[in-house]
Amino acid sequence: MSHKYIRQPDTSAWIIQVWASFILATSGTAIGIIYLPVDNWIKSFMTMGLTFSIGSSFTLAKTIRDNHESQRIVARLDEAKVEKLLAEHHPFDK
């Protein structure tokens, strides 16, 4: 009844696509901010907003990943407890 969780690594093509889209989106937004026809303090404010948005995106992604991994661990621990209880109460079933 034990389940093995197999981690499937990302392909190199996927990793390249993810980094390329991140770099394209960030640099496109930064270039757009640079060429805005507004004062420098407004550009600085928008750059600060871009920086905070990127930082919170990384934090959100890490939090979602951590929560998913912790749920997998909790599920495996619960399953192990149930198997132990069953083994204790039904020792001849094996």
N, C-alpha and C. Protein backbone atom coordinates (compact mmCIF):
# COMPACT_ATOMS: atom_id res chain seq x y z
N MET A 1 0.82 -1.19 0.00
CA MET A 1 0.00 0.00 0.00
C MET A 1 0.86 1.25 0.00
N SER A 2 2.15 1.08 -0.02
CA SER A 2 3.02 2.26 -0.01
C SER A 2 3.11 2.83 -1.42
N HIS A 3 2.99 4.12 -1.51
CA HIS A 3 3.06 4.82 -2.78
C HIS A 3 4.40 5.52 -2.90
N LYS A 4 5.03 5.35 -4.02
CA LYS A 4 6.29 6.03 -4.27
C LYS A 4 5.99 7.29 -5.08
N TYR A 5 6.51 8.40 -4.63
CA TYR A 5 6.35 9.65 -5.36
C TYR A 5 7.59 9.84 -6.23
N ILE A 6 7.37 9.82 -7.51
CA ILE A 6 8.48 9.98 -8.44
C ILE A 6 8.53 11.43 -8.89
N ARG A 7 9.65 12.04 -8.68
CA ARG A 7 9.84 13.44 -9.09
C ARG A 7 10.28 13.44 -10.54
N GLN A 8 9.49 14.07 -11.37
CA GLN A 8 9.85 14.17 -12.78
C GLN A 8 10.55 15.50 -12.98
N PRO A 9 11.83 15.46 -13.31
CA PRO A 9 12.56 16.72 -13.50
C PRO A 9 12.08 17.46 -14.74
N ASP A 10 12.18 18.77 -14.69
CA ASP A 10 11.79 19.58 -15.83
C ASP A 10 12.78 19.37 -16.97
N THR A 11 12.27 19.44 -18.19
CA THR A 11 13.16 19.30 -19.33
C THR A 11 13.94 20.59 -19.52
N SER A 12 15.07 20.48 -20.20
CA SER A 12 15.88 21.68 -20.43
C SER A 12 15.14 22.67 -21.33
N ALA A 13 14.30 22.18 -22.24
CA ALA A 13 13.53 23.09 -23.09
C ALA A 13 12.55 23.92 -22.25
N TRP A 14 11.92 23.29 -21.26
CA TRP A 14 10.99 24.02 -20.40
C TRP A 14 11.72 25.06 -19.57
N ILE A 15 12.87 24.70 -19.03
CA ILE A 15 13.65 25.64 -18.22
C ILE A 15 14.07 26.84 -19.06
N ILE A 16 14.51 26.59 -20.29
CA ILE A 16 14.89 27.70 -21.19
C ILE A 16 13.68 28.59 -21.48
N GLN A 17 12.52 27.98 -21.72
CA GLN A 17 11.31 28.76 -22.01
C GLN A 17 10.91 29.62 -20.82
N VAL A 18 10.98 29.05 -19.63
CA VAL A 18 10.60 29.80 -18.42
C VAL A 18 11.53 30.99 -18.22
N TRP A 19 12.84 30.76 -18.32
CA TRP A 19 13.80 31.86 -18.14
C TRP A 19 13.65 32.90 -19.25
N ALA A 20 13.45 32.45 -20.48
CA ALA A 20 13.30 33.40 -21.59
C ALA A 20 12.07 34.28 -21.40
N SER A 21 10.96 33.68 -20.99
CA SER A 21 9.75 34.48 -20.78
C SER A 21 9.92 35.45 -19.62
N PHE A 22 10.61 35.01 -18.56
CA PHE A 22 10.85 35.90 -17.42
C PHE A 22 11.71 37.09 -17.85
N ILE A 23 12.80 36.80 -18.56
CA ILE A 23 13.71 37.87 -18.99
C ILE A 23 13.02 38.80 -19.97
N LEU A 24 12.24 38.24 -20.89
CA LEU A 24 11.53 39.07 -21.87
C LEU A 24 10.50 39.97 -21.19
N ALA A 25 9.73 39.41 -20.27
CA ALA A 25 8.71 40.21 -19.59
C ALA A 25 9.33 41.31 -18.73
N THR A 26 10.36 40.95 -17.98
CA THR A 26 11.00 41.93 -17.10
C THR A 26 11.71 43.02 -17.89
N SER A 27 12.47 42.62 -18.90
CA SER A 27 13.19 43.63 -19.68
C SER A 27 12.23 44.49 -20.50
N GLY A 28 11.18 43.89 -21.02
CA GLY A 28 10.18 44.68 -21.76
C GLY A 28 9.52 45.73 -20.88
N THR A 29 9.17 45.33 -19.67
CA THR A 29 8.57 46.29 -18.74
C THR A 29 9.57 47.37 -18.34
N ALA A 30 10.82 46.97 -18.09
CA ALA A 30 11.85 47.95 -17.71
C ALA A 30 12.10 48.93 -18.84
N ILE A 31 12.17 48.45 -20.07
CA ILE A 31 12.37 49.35 -21.22
C ILE A 31 11.18 50.28 -21.37
N GLY A 32 9.99 49.74 -21.17
CA GLY A 32 8.79 50.59 -21.23
C GLY A 32 8.82 51.69 -20.18
N ILE A 33 9.28 51.37 -18.99
CA ILE A 33 9.39 52.38 -17.93
C ILE A 33 10.43 53.42 -18.29
N ILE A 34 11.56 52.98 -18.84
CA ILE A 34 12.64 53.92 -19.20
C ILE A 34 12.16 54.94 -20.23
N TYR A 35 11.40 54.50 -21.21
CA TYR A 35 10.98 55.39 -22.29
C TYR A 35 9.64 56.09 -22.05
N LEU A 36 9.11 55.98 -20.85
CA LEU A 36 7.88 56.72 -20.54
C LEU A 36 8.16 58.23 -20.56
N PRO A 37 7.26 59.00 -21.13
CA PRO A 37 7.47 60.45 -21.15
C PRO A 37 7.01 61.14 -19.87
N VAL A 38 7.62 60.74 -18.76
CA VAL A 38 7.27 61.31 -17.45
C VAL A 38 8.56 61.64 -16.70
N ASP A 39 8.42 62.29 -15.55
CA ASP A 39 9.57 62.66 -14.74
C ASP A 39 10.27 61.42 -14.18
N ASN A 40 11.53 61.63 -13.79
CA ASN A 40 12.33 60.52 -13.28
C ASN A 40 11.79 59.95 -11.97
N TRP A 41 11.18 60.78 -11.13
CA TRP A 41 10.67 60.27 -9.86
C TRP A 41 9.50 59.32 -10.11
N ILE A 42 8.71 59.57 -11.17
CA ILE A 42 7.62 58.65 -11.51
C ILE A 42 8.19 57.34 -12.06
N LYS A 43 9.23 57.44 -12.88
CA LYS A 43 9.89 56.24 -13.39
C LYS A 43 10.48 55.42 -12.25
N SER A 44 11.08 56.11 -11.28
CA SER A 44 11.65 55.42 -10.12
C SER A 44 10.57 54.71 -9.31
N PHE A 45 9.43 55.37 -9.15
CA PHE A 45 8.32 54.77 -8.42
C PHE A 45 7.82 53.53 -9.15
N MET A 46 7.70 53.60 -10.47
CA MET A 46 7.23 52.45 -11.25
C MET A 46 8.27 51.32 -11.23
N THR A 47 9.55 51.66 -11.24
CA THR A 47 10.60 50.65 -11.16
C THR A 47 10.56 49.95 -9.81
N MET A 48 10.31 50.71 -8.76
CA MET A 48 10.17 50.12 -7.44
C MET A 48 8.98 49.16 -7.41
N GLY A 49 7.88 49.54 -8.04
CA GLY A 49 6.71 48.66 -8.12
C GLY A 49 7.02 47.38 -8.89
N LEU A 50 7.78 47.51 -9.98
CA LEU A 50 8.17 46.33 -10.75
C LEU A 50 9.04 45.40 -9.90
N THR A 51 9.96 45.97 -9.17
CA THR A 51 10.85 45.16 -8.31
C THR A 51 10.05 44.43 -7.24
N PHE A 52 9.11 45.12 -6.61
CA PHE A 52 8.28 44.47 -5.59
C PHE A 52 7.40 43.40 -6.20
N SER A 53 6.88 43.62 -7.40
CA SER A 53 6.05 42.62 -8.06
C SER A 53 6.84 41.36 -8.37
N ILE A 54 8.07 41.52 -8.84
CA ILE A 54 8.91 40.36 -9.14
C ILE A 54 9.23 39.60 -7.85
N GLY A 55 9.58 40.32 -6.81
CA GLY A 55 9.89 39.68 -5.52
C GLY A 55 8.70 38.93 -4.96
N SER A 56 7.50 39.53 -5.02
CA SER A 56 6.34 38.83 -4.49
C SER A 56 5.93 37.65 -5.35
N SER A 57 6.22 37.71 -6.65
CA SER A 57 5.94 36.55 -7.51
C SER A 57 6.81 35.36 -7.10
N PHE A 58 8.09 35.61 -6.83
CA PHE A 58 8.97 34.54 -6.37
C PHE A 58 8.51 34.00 -5.01
N THR A 59 8.11 34.89 -4.12
CA THR A 59 7.65 34.47 -2.80
C THR A 59 6.38 33.63 -2.91
N LEU A 60 5.45 34.06 -3.75
CA LEU A 60 4.20 33.31 -3.94
C LEU A 60 4.49 31.93 -4.52
N ALA A 61 5.35 31.85 -5.53
CA ALA A 61 5.68 30.55 -6.13
C ALA A 61 6.32 29.62 -5.11
N LYS A 62 7.23 30.15 -4.29
CA LYS A 62 7.88 29.33 -3.27
C LYS A 62 6.88 28.87 -2.22
N THR A 63 5.97 29.73 -1.82
CA THR A 63 4.97 29.37 -0.82
C THR A 63 4.04 28.28 -1.34
N ILE A 64 3.60 28.40 -2.57
CA ILE A 64 2.73 27.39 -3.15
C ILE A 64 3.46 26.05 -3.23
N ARG A 65 4.73 26.07 -3.66
CA ARG A 65 5.51 24.84 -3.73
C ARG A 65 5.70 24.23 -2.35
N ASP A 66 6.04 25.05 -1.36
CA ASP A 66 6.26 24.54 -0.01
C ASP A 66 4.98 23.93 0.57
N ASN A 67 3.84 24.58 0.35
CA ASN A 67 2.57 24.04 0.85
C ASN A 67 2.23 22.71 0.19
N HIS A 68 2.48 22.62 -1.10
CA HIS A 68 2.22 21.37 -1.82
C HIS A 68 3.11 20.25 -1.28
N GLU A 69 4.38 20.53 -1.08
CA GLU A 69 5.29 19.52 -0.57
C GLU A 69 4.94 19.11 0.85
N SER A 70 4.52 20.05 1.67
CA SER A 70 4.17 19.70 3.05
C SER A 70 2.91 18.86 3.09
N GLN A 71 1.96 19.09 2.19
CA GLN A 71 0.75 18.27 2.14
C GLN A 71 1.10 16.85 1.71
N ARG A 72 2.06 16.71 0.81
CA ARG A 72 2.49 15.36 0.40
C ARG A 72 3.11 14.63 1.58
N ILE A 73 3.93 15.34 2.36
CA ILE A 73 4.58 14.72 3.52
C ILE A 73 3.55 14.34 4.56
N VAL A 74 2.58 15.22 4.82
CA VAL A 74 1.53 14.93 5.81
C VAL A 74 0.71 13.74 5.35
N ALA A 75 0.40 13.66 4.07
CA ALA A 75 -0.37 12.53 3.56
C ALA A 75 0.41 11.22 3.74
N ARG A 76 1.72 11.26 3.49
CA ARG A 76 2.52 10.05 3.66
C ARG A 76 2.61 9.65 5.13
N LEU A 77 2.72 10.65 6.03
CA LEU A 77 2.76 10.34 7.46
C LEU A 77 1.44 9.74 7.93
N ASP A 78 0.33 10.31 7.47
CA ASP A 78 -0.98 9.77 7.83
C ASP A 78 -1.14 8.34 7.32
N GLU A 79 -0.68 8.10 6.12
CA GLU A 79 -0.76 6.76 5.54
C GLU A 79 0.09 5.77 6.35
N ALA A 80 1.26 6.20 6.78
CA ALA A 80 2.12 5.33 7.58
C ALA A 80 1.48 5.02 8.93
N LYS A 81 0.80 6.01 9.53
CA LYS A 81 0.13 5.78 10.81
C LYS A 81 -1.00 4.76 10.65
N VAL A 82 -1.76 4.88 9.57
CA VAL A 82 -2.86 3.95 9.32
C VAL A 82 -2.31 2.54 9.09
N GLU A 83 -1.23 2.42 8.32
CA GLU A 83 -0.64 1.11 8.09
C GLU A 83 -0.12 0.50 9.39
N LYS A 84 0.44 1.33 10.26
CA LYS A 84 0.93 0.84 11.55
C LYS A 84 -0.23 0.35 12.41
N LEU A 85 -1.32 1.12 12.45
CA LEU A 85 -2.49 0.70 13.24
C LEU A 85 -3.06 -0.61 12.70
N LEU A 86 -3.14 -0.72 11.39
CA LEU A 86 -3.67 -1.95 10.80
C LEU A 86 -2.76 -3.14 11.10
N ALA A 87 -1.45 -2.90 11.05
CA ALA A 87 -0.50 -3.98 11.34
C ALA A 87 -0.59 -4.41 12.80
N GLU A 88 -0.85 -3.47 13.71
CA GLU A 88 -0.95 -3.80 15.13
C GLU A 88 -2.22 -4.59 15.43
N HIS A 89 -3.32 -4.25 14.77
CA HIS A 89 -4.61 -4.88 15.07
C HIS A 89 -4.84 -6.14 14.25
N HIS A 90 -4.14 -6.28 13.16
CA HIS A 90 -4.29 -7.46 12.30
C HIS A 90 -2.91 -8.00 11.95
N PRO A 91 -2.20 -8.56 12.92
CA PRO A 91 -0.82 -8.96 12.65
C PRO A 91 -0.71 -10.18 11.72
N PHE A 92 -1.78 -10.95 11.54
CA PHE A 92 -1.69 -12.16 10.73
C PHE A 92 -2.11 -11.95 9.29
N ASP A 93 -2.46 -10.71 8.92
CA ASP A 93 -2.92 -10.44 7.56
C ASP A 93 -1.77 -10.32 6.58
N LYS A 94 -0.57 -10.24 7.04
CA LYS A 94 0.55 -10.03 6.13
C LYS A 94 1.04 -11.29 5.53
